[in-house]
Amino acid sequence: MLWIVLSGFIVALLLPRIMAVVPRMNNILWIALPAALCTYFATRIPGIISGEVIRESVSWVPSLGVNFSFVLDGLSLLFAVMITGIGTLVFIYTHAYMHGHKELDRFYAYLSFFMASMLGLVLSDNLFLMFVFWELTSISSFFLIGFNNKEEASRKSALTALAVTGIGGMGLLAAAVIVNTVAGTTDLEGLYAFGNLIQDSP
C-alpha cells in the first residue's frame, strides 16, 4: 500500500514534465491514476466484506517506534474508494471545466498531491503517520484553494484553510504524544489491544 500512496506524489512531480514532451496524452494520463487506484480498491471489496484485513508495515523511524504502517479494512476501504472514485470524477470534470487553461497541469498536480495525502491519511495505522499525511493534506489543500493566486480572495481563503488545518494538526500531534506516553505505542493495531488503558489513565 505504500507504493499506492506514493504513486500520487510521484505522478504530481513527474507527469507535468512528461506532458511537456507528449501534450496530446495530457488528460488521459492524469485521469488514469485515480481510475486505476479506484479499480484496485474496488477489487478488494469482496475480500474485505468476507472479513479480510490487509496490513503492511515498512520501517521508518525504528528508534521512535514509528513505521509506515497501513491497514485496509472496511472503514479505510470505504474512504479509499470514495477518494479515488470521486477523484476520478473531479479529474474528468476539471478537464471539461478548465479545458485550455495554461496552468492545467499545475492544477492536476495539486489534485494528485491532495488525493495521495488523503489516501495516506485514511490508510494509516499509526498516529504519527496520520499526522504527517494530515499536514500534507493541509499543504495540498492550501495549493488548491489558492490556485488563482493573483486574486486576493483566493489567497486569503487559502491562508485561512491552512491556519485551521494547521491548528487541527497540532492537536493531533499532541494527542499522539500523550497516547504514546500512556500506551507506549502509536500503532492503532496495538492500541486496540489495550482496551480502556487510555481512558483509565489519569
Protein backbone atom coordinates (compact mmCIF):
# COMPACT_ATOMS: atom_id res chain seq x y z
CA MET A 1 0.00 0.00 0.00
CA LEU A 2 2.99 2.29 0.45
CA TRP A 3 3.55 2.47 -3.30
CA ILE A 4 -0.15 3.07 -3.88
CA VAL A 5 0.03 6.13 -1.65
CA LEU A 6 3.35 7.28 -3.10
CA SER A 7 2.05 6.95 -6.67
CA GLY A 8 0.06 10.16 -6.35
CA PHE A 9 3.11 12.11 -5.18
CA ILE A 10 5.30 10.61 -7.91
CA VAL A 11 2.77 11.45 -10.61
CA ALA A 12 2.38 15.00 -9.25
CA LEU A 13 6.14 15.52 -9.52
CA LEU A 14 6.91 13.77 -12.81
CA LEU A 15 3.86 13.97 -15.07
CA PRO A 16 4.00 17.75 -15.73
CA ARG A 17 7.47 17.21 -17.17
CA ILE A 18 6.30 14.26 -19.24
CA MET A 19 3.39 16.31 -20.53
CA ALA A 20 5.79 18.87 -21.94
CA VAL A 21 7.03 16.12 -24.27
CA VAL A 22 3.71 14.39 -25.10
CA PRO A 23 1.00 17.05 -24.58
CA ARG A 24 -1.63 15.12 -26.57
CA MET A 25 -1.72 12.43 -23.88
CA ASN A 26 -2.13 15.04 -21.14
CA ASN A 27 -5.63 14.46 -19.80
CA ILE A 28 -5.69 10.71 -20.40
CA LEU A 29 -2.57 10.13 -18.31
CA TRP A 30 -3.77 12.34 -15.44
CA ILE A 31 -7.16 10.63 -15.25
CA ALA A 32 -5.57 7.15 -15.48
CA LEU A 33 -4.09 7.33 -11.97
CA PRO A 34 -7.26 7.84 -9.88
CA ALA A 35 -9.20 5.49 -12.17
CA ALA A 36 -6.58 2.74 -11.75
CA LEU A 37 -6.46 3.21 -7.97
CA CYS A 38 -10.26 3.15 -7.72
CA THR A 39 -10.31 -0.09 -9.74
CA TYR A 40 -7.69 -1.62 -7.45
CA PHE A 41 -9.61 -0.77 -4.29
CA ALA A 42 -12.89 -1.95 -5.86
CA THR A 43 -11.35 -5.39 -6.49
CA ARG A 44 -10.62 -5.63 -2.75
CA ILE A 45 -14.25 -5.20 -1.74
CA PRO A 46 -15.26 -8.92 -1.81
CA GLY A 47 -12.31 -9.94 0.38
CA ILE A 48 -12.84 -7.13 2.89
CA ILE A 49 -16.57 -7.91 3.09
CA SER A 50 -15.69 -11.51 3.96
CA GLY A 51 -13.57 -10.29 6.88
CA GLU A 52 -10.12 -9.93 5.34
CA VAL A 53 -7.87 -7.18 6.74
CA ILE A 54 -4.72 -6.21 4.83
CA ARG A 55 -1.84 -4.76 6.83
CA GLU A 56 1.53 -3.52 5.64
CA SER A 57 4.40 -2.04 7.62
CA VAL A 58 7.74 -0.64 6.45
CA SER A 59 10.36 0.54 8.94
CA TRP A 60 10.68 4.33 9.07
CA VAL A 61 11.94 5.64 12.47
CA PRO A 62 12.55 2.45 14.50
CA SER A 63 14.06 4.35 17.44
CA LEU A 64 10.71 6.06 17.98
CA GLY A 65 8.64 3.03 17.05
CA VAL A 66 7.21 4.85 14.03
CA ASN A 67 6.73 2.86 10.83
CA PHE A 68 4.95 3.29 7.53
CA SER A 69 2.03 1.20 8.81
CA PHE A 70 -1.05 0.91 6.64
CA VAL A 71 -4.28 -1.04 7.05
CA LEU A 72 -7.05 -1.81 4.59
CA ASP A 73 -10.25 -2.81 6.40
CA GLY A 74 -13.90 -1.97 5.90
CA LEU A 75 -13.69 1.66 7.03
CA SER A 76 -10.44 2.56 5.28
CA LEU A 77 -11.59 0.80 2.10
CA LEU A 78 -14.83 2.81 2.10
CA PHE A 79 -12.88 6.07 2.27
CA ALA A 80 -10.27 4.89 -0.25
CA VAL A 81 -12.97 4.06 -2.81
CA MET A 82 -14.64 7.42 -2.16
CA ILE A 83 -11.38 9.33 -2.52
CA THR A 84 -10.29 7.64 -5.73
CA GLY A 85 -13.79 7.37 -7.21
CA ILE A 86 -14.73 10.98 -6.59
CA GLY A 87 -11.16 11.90 -7.53
CA THR A 88 -11.65 10.31 -10.95
CA LEU A 89 -14.84 12.31 -11.49
CA VAL A 90 -13.11 15.51 -10.38
CA PHE A 91 -10.26 14.92 -12.83
CA ILE A 92 -12.77 14.36 -15.64
CA TYR A 93 -14.77 17.44 -14.65
CA THR A 94 -11.59 19.51 -14.43
CA HIS A 95 -10.71 18.51 -17.99
CA ALA A 96 -14.04 19.93 -19.21
CA TYR A 97 -14.27 22.93 -16.88
CA MET A 98 -10.68 24.13 -17.24
CA HIS A 99 -10.05 22.98 -20.81
CA GLY A 100 -7.39 25.13 -22.41
CA HIS A 101 -6.19 26.67 -19.13
CA LYS A 102 -2.48 27.38 -19.47
CA GLU A 103 -1.73 26.04 -15.97
CA LEU A 104 -3.99 22.98 -16.05
CA ASP A 105 -1.04 20.64 -15.42
CA ARG A 106 -0.24 22.50 -12.22
CA PHE A 107 -3.83 22.10 -11.02
CA TYR A 108 -3.77 18.38 -11.89
CA ALA A 109 -0.53 18.04 -9.92
CA TYR A 110 -2.14 19.65 -6.88
CA LEU A 111 -5.13 17.30 -7.21
CA SER A 112 -2.84 14.24 -7.34
CA PHE A 113 -0.91 15.54 -4.33
CA PHE A 114 -4.16 16.05 -2.41
CA MET A 115 -5.56 12.63 -3.35
CA ALA A 116 -2.36 10.86 -2.30
CA SER A 117 -2.32 12.74 1.01
CA MET A 118 -5.93 11.78 1.71
CA LEU A 119 -5.24 8.14 0.88
CA GLY A 120 -2.27 8.13 3.24
CA LEU A 121 -4.42 9.65 5.96
CA VAL A 122 -7.25 7.10 5.77
CA LEU A 123 -4.95 4.08 5.31
CA SER A 124 -2.53 5.00 8.11
CA ASP A 125 -2.29 2.58 11.02
CA ASN A 126 -0.05 4.85 13.09
CA LEU A 127 -0.94 8.15 14.78
CA PHE A 128 2.31 9.90 13.86
CA LEU A 129 1.93 8.75 10.25
CA MET A 130 -1.62 10.12 10.31
CA PHE A 131 -0.19 13.45 11.47
CA VAL A 132 2.27 13.52 8.56
CA PHE A 133 -0.45 12.89 5.99
CA TRP A 134 -2.79 15.32 7.75
CA GLU A 135 -0.17 18.05 7.27
CA LEU A 136 0.37 17.03 3.64
CA THR A 137 -3.40 17.27 3.14
CA SER A 138 -3.30 20.76 4.66
CA ILE A 139 -0.49 21.86 2.34
CA SER A 140 -2.09 20.42 -0.80
CA SER A 141 -5.48 21.96 0.03
CA PHE A 142 -3.68 25.29 0.51
CA PHE A 143 -2.30 24.99 -3.02
CA LEU A 144 -5.70 24.01 -4.45
CA ILE A 145 -7.68 26.75 -2.73
CA GLY A 146 -5.06 29.34 -3.64
CA PHE A 147 -4.66 28.13 -7.23
CA ASN A 148 -5.79 31.51 -8.60
CA ASN A 149 -3.13 33.22 -6.53
CA LYS A 150 -3.50 36.53 -8.37
CA GLU A 151 -6.86 37.03 -6.66
CA GLU A 152 -6.78 38.38 -3.10
CA ALA A 153 -9.87 36.40 -2.05
CA SER A 154 -8.24 33.17 -3.20
CA ARG A 155 -5.03 33.88 -1.28
CA LYS A 156 -6.98 34.82 1.85
CA SER A 157 -9.11 31.67 1.73
CA ALA A 158 -6.02 29.51 1.25
CA LEU A 159 -4.29 31.04 4.27
CA THR A 160 -7.43 30.64 6.41
CA ALA A 161 -7.72 26.97 5.46
CA LEU A 162 -4.02 26.40 6.18
CA ALA A 163 -4.33 28.02 9.61
CA VAL A 164 -7.40 25.97 10.59
CA THR A 165 -5.99 22.63 9.42
CA GLY A 166 -2.60 23.51 10.92
CA ILE A 167 -4.16 24.03 14.34
CA GLY A 168 -6.01 20.74 13.95
CA GLY A 169 -2.73 19.03 13.05
CA MET A 170 -1.07 20.34 16.21
CA GLY A 171 -3.95 18.90 18.22
CA LEU A 172 -3.48 15.54 16.53
CA LEU A 173 0.26 15.60 17.21
CA ALA A 174 -0.31 16.45 20.89
CA ALA A 175 -2.80 13.58 21.16
CA ALA A 176 -0.32 11.17 19.55
CA VAL A 177 2.38 12.18 22.06
CA ILE A 178 0.01 11.70 25.01
CA VAL A 179 -1.21 8.34 23.71
CA ASN A 180 2.37 7.18 23.18
CA THR A 181 3.27 8.25 26.72
CA VAL A 182 0.40 6.24 28.21
CA ALA A 183 0.37 3.17 25.97
CA GLY A 184 3.96 3.09 24.70
CA THR A 185 2.83 2.79 21.09
CA THR A 186 1.12 4.85 18.42
CA ASP A 187 0.17 1.89 16.18
CA LEU A 188 -3.62 1.68 16.07
CA GLU A 189 -3.48 -2.12 15.90
CA GLY A 190 -1.53 -2.15 19.16
CA LEU A 191 -3.77 0.43 20.82
CA TYR A 192 -6.87 -1.69 20.23
CA ALA A 193 -5.35 -4.42 22.41
CA PHE A 194 -5.07 -2.09 25.41
CA GLY A 195 -8.82 -1.74 25.84
CA ASN A 196 -9.63 1.13 28.23
CA LEU A 197 -6.00 1.77 29.24
CA ILE A 198 -6.01 5.29 27.74
CA GLN A 199 -9.44 6.21 29.09
CA ASP A 200 -8.49 4.98 32.56
CA SER A 201 -5.20 6.86 32.63
CA PRO A 202 -5.20 9.93 34.91
